[in-house]
C-alpha atoms as a PDB file:
ATOM      1  CA  UNK A   1     -90.809  -0.457  82.346  1.00  0.00           C
ATOM      2  CA  UNK A   2     -92.677   1.210  85.182  1.00  0.00           C
ATOM      3  CA  UNK A   3     -94.941   4.070  84.635  1.00  0.00           C
ATOM      4  CA  UNK A   4     -96.909   6.202  87.092  1.00  0.00           C
ATOM      5  CA  UNK A   5    -100.126   7.865  85.932  1.00  0.00           C
ATOM      6  CA  UNK A   6     -99.851  11.414  84.666  1.00  0.00           C
ATOM      7  CA  UNK A   7     -97.818  13.070  81.937  1.00  0.00           C
ATOM      8  CA  UNK A   8     -96.653  10.709  79.189  1.00  0.00           C
ATOM      9  CA  UNK A   9     -92.947  11.138  78.882  1.00  0.00           C
ATOM     10  CA  UNK A  10     -91.925   8.336  76.647  1.00  0.00           C
ATOM     11  CA  UNK A  11     -93.339   8.242  73.109  1.00  0.00           C
ATOM     12  CA  UNK A  12     -91.308   5.503  71.570  1.00  0.00           C
ATOM     13  CA  UNK A  13     -89.663   2.493  73.161  1.00  0.00           C
ATOM     14  CA  UNK A  14     -87.660   0.551  70.665  1.00  0.00           C
ATOM     15  CA  UNK A  15     -89.956  -0.226  67.689  1.00  0.00           C
ATOM     16  CA  UNK A  16     -93.128   0.561  69.780  1.00  0.00           C
ATOM     17  CA  UNK A  17     -94.512   3.936  68.995  1.00  0.00           C
ATOM     18  CA  UNK A  18     -97.126   5.432  71.346  1.00  0.00           C
ATOM     19  CA  UNK A  19     -99.609   7.673  69.488  1.00  0.00           C
ATOM     20  CA  UNK A  20    -103.079   9.207  70.240  1.00  0.00           C
ATOM     21  CA  UNK A  21    -104.273   8.418  73.749  1.00  0.00           C
ATOM     22  CA  UNK A  22    -101.370   6.053  74.492  1.00  0.00           C
ATOM     23  CA  UNK A  23     -98.886   8.745  73.601  1.00  0.00           C
ATOM     24  CA  UNK A  24    -100.459  11.521  75.619  1.00  0.00           C
ATOM     25  CA  UNK A  25    -102.428  12.960  72.677  1.00  0.00           C
ATOM     26  CA  UNK A  26    -105.562  13.803  74.612  1.00  0.00           C
ATOM     27  CA  UNK A  27    -105.863  17.630  74.763  1.00  0.00           C
ATOM     28  CA  UNK A  28    -105.933  18.351  78.515  1.00  0.00           C
ATOM     29  CA  UNK A  29    -108.242  21.330  78.414  1.00  0.00           C
ATOM     30  CA  UNK A  30    -111.389  19.849  77.017  1.00  0.00           C
ATOM     31  CA  UNK A  31    -110.341  16.188  76.617  1.00  0.00           C
ATOM     32  CA  UNK A  32    -110.389  16.042  72.853  1.00  0.00           C
ATOM     33  CA  UNK A  33    -107.823  13.912  71.067  1.00  0.00           C
ATOM     34  CA  UNK A  34    -108.825  13.198  67.466  1.00  0.00           C
ATOM     35  CA  UNK A  35    -106.644  15.823  65.823  1.00  0.00           C
ATOM     36  CA  UNK A  36    -103.589  14.952  67.998  1.00  0.00           C
ATOM     37  CA  UNK A  37    -104.221  11.277  67.315  1.00  0.00           C
ATOM     38  CA  UNK A  38    -104.134  11.912  63.475  1.00  0.00           C
ATOM     39  CA  UNK A  39    -101.068  14.065  63.815  1.00  0.00           C
ATOM     40  CA  UNK A  40     -99.294  11.600  65.978  1.00  0.00           C
ATOM     41  CA  UNK A  41    -100.344   8.692  63.681  1.00  0.00           C
ATOM     42  CA  UNK A  42     -98.956  10.459  60.675  1.00  0.00           C
ATOM     43  CA  UNK A  43     -95.682  11.106  62.457  1.00  0.00           C
ATOM     44  CA  UNK A  44     -95.478   7.474  63.524  1.00  0.00           C
ATOM     45  CA  UNK A  45     -95.962   6.473  59.846  1.00  0.00           C
ATOM     46  CA  UNK A  46     -93.174   8.825  58.791  1.00  0.00           C
ATOM     47  CA  UNK A  47     -90.946   7.360  61.458  1.00  0.00           C
ATOM     48  CA  UNK A  48     -91.522   3.782  60.305  1.00  0.00           C
ATOM     49  CA  UNK A  49     -91.470   4.422  56.627  1.00  0.00           C
ATOM     50  CA  UNK A  50     -88.795   7.142  56.419  1.00  0.00           C
ATOM     51  CA  UNK A  51     -86.827   6.800  59.692  1.00  0.00           C
ATOM     52  CA  UNK A  52     -87.672  10.229  60.952  1.00  0.00           C
ATOM     53  CA  UNK A  53     -87.334  11.143  64.614  1.00  0.00           C
ATOM     54  CA  UNK A  54     -90.741  10.680  66.203  1.00  0.00           C
ATOM     55  CA  UNK A  55     -90.070  12.914  69.191  1.00  0.00           C
ATOM     56  CA  UNK A  56     -89.050  15.788  66.985  1.00  0.00           C
ATOM     57  CA  UNK A  57     -92.125  15.447  64.875  1.00  0.00           C
ATOM     58  CA  UNK A  58     -94.621  15.433  67.788  1.00  0.00           C
ATOM     59  CA  UNK A  59     -92.762  18.122  69.890  1.00  0.00           C
ATOM     60  CA  UNK A  60     -94.995  21.038  68.902  1.00  0.00           C
ATOM     61  CA  UNK A  61     -98.152  19.033  69.780  1.00  0.00           C
ATOM     62  CA  UNK A  62     -96.738  17.964  73.080  1.00  0.00           C
ATOM     63  CA  UNK A  63     -95.685  21.464  73.917  1.00  0.00           C
ATOM     64  CA  UNK A  64     -99.181  22.753  72.993  1.00  0.00           C
ATOM     65  CA  UNK A  65    -100.707  20.024  75.239  1.00  0.00           C
ATOM     66  CA  UNK A  66     -98.464  21.175  78.076  1.00  0.00           C
ATOM     67  CA  UNK A  67     -99.692  24.781  77.725  1.00  0.00           C
ATOM     68  CA  UNK A  68    -103.286  23.560  77.614  1.00  0.00           C
ATOM     69  CA  UNK A  69    -102.647  21.498  80.742  1.00  0.00           C
ATOM     70  CA  UNK A  70    -101.371  24.580  82.532  1.00  0.00           C
ATOM     71  CA  UNK A  71    -104.489  26.439  81.294  1.00  0.00           C
ATOM     72  CA  UNK A  72    -106.766  23.700  82.618  1.00  0.00           C
ATOM     73  CA  UNK A  73    -105.064  23.812  86.019  1.00  0.00           C
ATOM     74  CA  UNK A  74    -105.729  27.584  86.215  1.00  0.00           C
ATOM     75  CA  UNK A  75    -109.351  27.139  85.108  1.00  0.00           C
ATOM     76  CA  UNK A  76    -109.862  24.473  87.790  1.00  0.00           C
ATOM     77  CA  UNK A  77    -108.903  26.959  90.494  1.00  0.00           C
ATOM     78  CA  UNK A  78    -111.182  29.771  89.239  1.00  0.00           C
ATOM     79  CA  UNK A  79    -114.178  30.999  91.114  1.00  0.00           C
ATOM     80  CA  UNK A  80    -117.557  31.888  89.623  1.00  0.00           C
ATOM     81  CA  UNK A  81    -116.730  35.614  89.745  1.00  0.00           C
ATOM     82  CA  UNK A  82    -113.476  34.977  87.904  1.00  0.00           C
ATOM     83  CA  UNK A  83    -115.334  33.060  85.190  1.00  0.00           C
ATOM     84  CA  UNK A  84    -117.680  35.989  84.970  1.00  0.00           C
ATOM     85  CA  UNK A  85    -114.717  38.351  84.516  1.00  0.00           C
ATOM     86  CA  UNK A  86    -113.260  36.155  81.832  1.00  0.00           C
ATOM     87  CA  UNK A  87    -116.448  35.857  79.855  1.00  0.00           C
ATOM     88  CA  UNK A  88    -117.019  39.579  80.192  1.00  0.00           C
ATOM     89  CA  UNK A  89    -113.553  40.288  78.805  1.00  0.00           C
ATOM     90  CA  UNK A  90    -114.513  38.585  75.552  1.00  0.00           C
ATOM     91  CA  UNK A  91    -116.939  41.453  74.964  1.00  0.00           C
ATOM     92  CA  UNK A  92    -114.171  44.150  75.210  1.00  0.00           C
ATOM     93  CA  UNK A  93    -113.643  45.775  71.802  1.00  0.00           C
ATOM     94  CA  UNK A  94    -110.763  44.185  70.122  1.00  0.00           C
ATOM     95  CA  UNK A  95    -110.527  41.025  72.260  1.00  0.00           C
ATOM     96  CA  UNK A  96    -112.991  39.070  70.141  1.00  0.00           C
ATOM     97  CA  UNK A  97    -111.196  40.065  66.928  1.00  0.00           C
ATOM     98  CA  UNK A  98    -107.797  39.252  68.384  1.00  0.00           C
ATOM     99  CA  UNK A  99    -108.921  35.803  69.453  1.00  0.00           C
ATOM    100  CA  UNK A 100    -110.812  34.788  66.270  1.00  0.00           C
ATOM    101  CA  UNK A 101    -109.238  36.764  63.492  1.00  0.00           C
ATOM    102  CA  UNK A 102    -105.467  36.759  64.223  1.00  0.00           C
ATOM    103  CA  UNK A 103    -102.776  34.179  64.156  1.00  0.00           C
ATOM    104  CA  UNK A 104    -101.962  34.595  67.869  1.00  0.00           C
ATOM    105  CA  UNK A 105    -101.341  31.378  69.583  1.00  0.00           C
ATOM    106  CA  UNK A 106    -104.038  31.657  72.267  1.00  0.00           C
ATOM    107  CA  UNK A 107    -103.164  28.606  74.291  1.00  0.00           C
ATOM    108  CA  UNK A 108     -99.547  29.689  74.615  1.00  0.00           C
ATOM    109  CA  UNK A 109    -100.414  33.038  76.298  1.00  0.00           C
ATOM    110  CA  UNK A 110    -103.867  32.439  77.810  1.00  0.00           C
ATOM    111  CA  UNK A 111    -102.673  30.915  81.090  1.00  0.00           C
ATOM    112  CA  UNK A 112    -100.188  33.599  81.662  1.00  0.00           C
ATOM    113  CA  UNK A 113    -102.533  36.498  80.883  1.00  0.00           C
ATOM    114  CA  UNK A 114    -105.362  34.905  82.884  1.00  0.00           C
ATOM    115  CA  UNK A 115    -103.146  34.647  86.007  1.00  0.00           C
ATOM    116  CA  UNK A 116    -102.438  38.335  85.744  1.00  0.00           C
ATOM    117  CA  UNK A 117    -106.026  39.380  85.074  1.00  0.00           C
ATOM    118  CA  UNK A 118    -107.730  37.029  87.420  1.00  0.00           C
ATOM    119  CA  UNK A 119    -105.555  37.285  90.488  1.00  0.00           C
ATOM    120  CA  UNK A 120    -107.341  37.086  93.786  1.00  0.00           C
ATOM    121  CA  UNK A 121    -107.319  40.529  95.507  1.00  0.00           C
ATOM    122  CA  UNK A 122    -104.973  40.946  98.468  1.00  0.00           C
ATOM    123  CA  UNK A 123    -106.796  40.272 101.763  1.00  0.00           C
END
């Protein structure tokens, strides 16, 4: 099987299950992977012991990783002024509470909202 570097697209090949780093479990925004590795390891165990579908079990983690990857791409393109705007927005009344005291899925909406707020002005 040939694989190019980049996004992991195959998480199980026959009786081989790719979990953690091998399965693309590294969170692309900050590079952490411990939680994803534990979740993917537990899913692998359920697949082996109970015959559950591995891809279905890890889908939400892989979807979240994809959203974090899009956010990382956007952050990589930001200027210092845009970073200042973003950090300043955290002090706006209600924003802090929304991020830290609600059940909003931040990673799902952050890249989309940031693109709207941090657009480069028309030249």
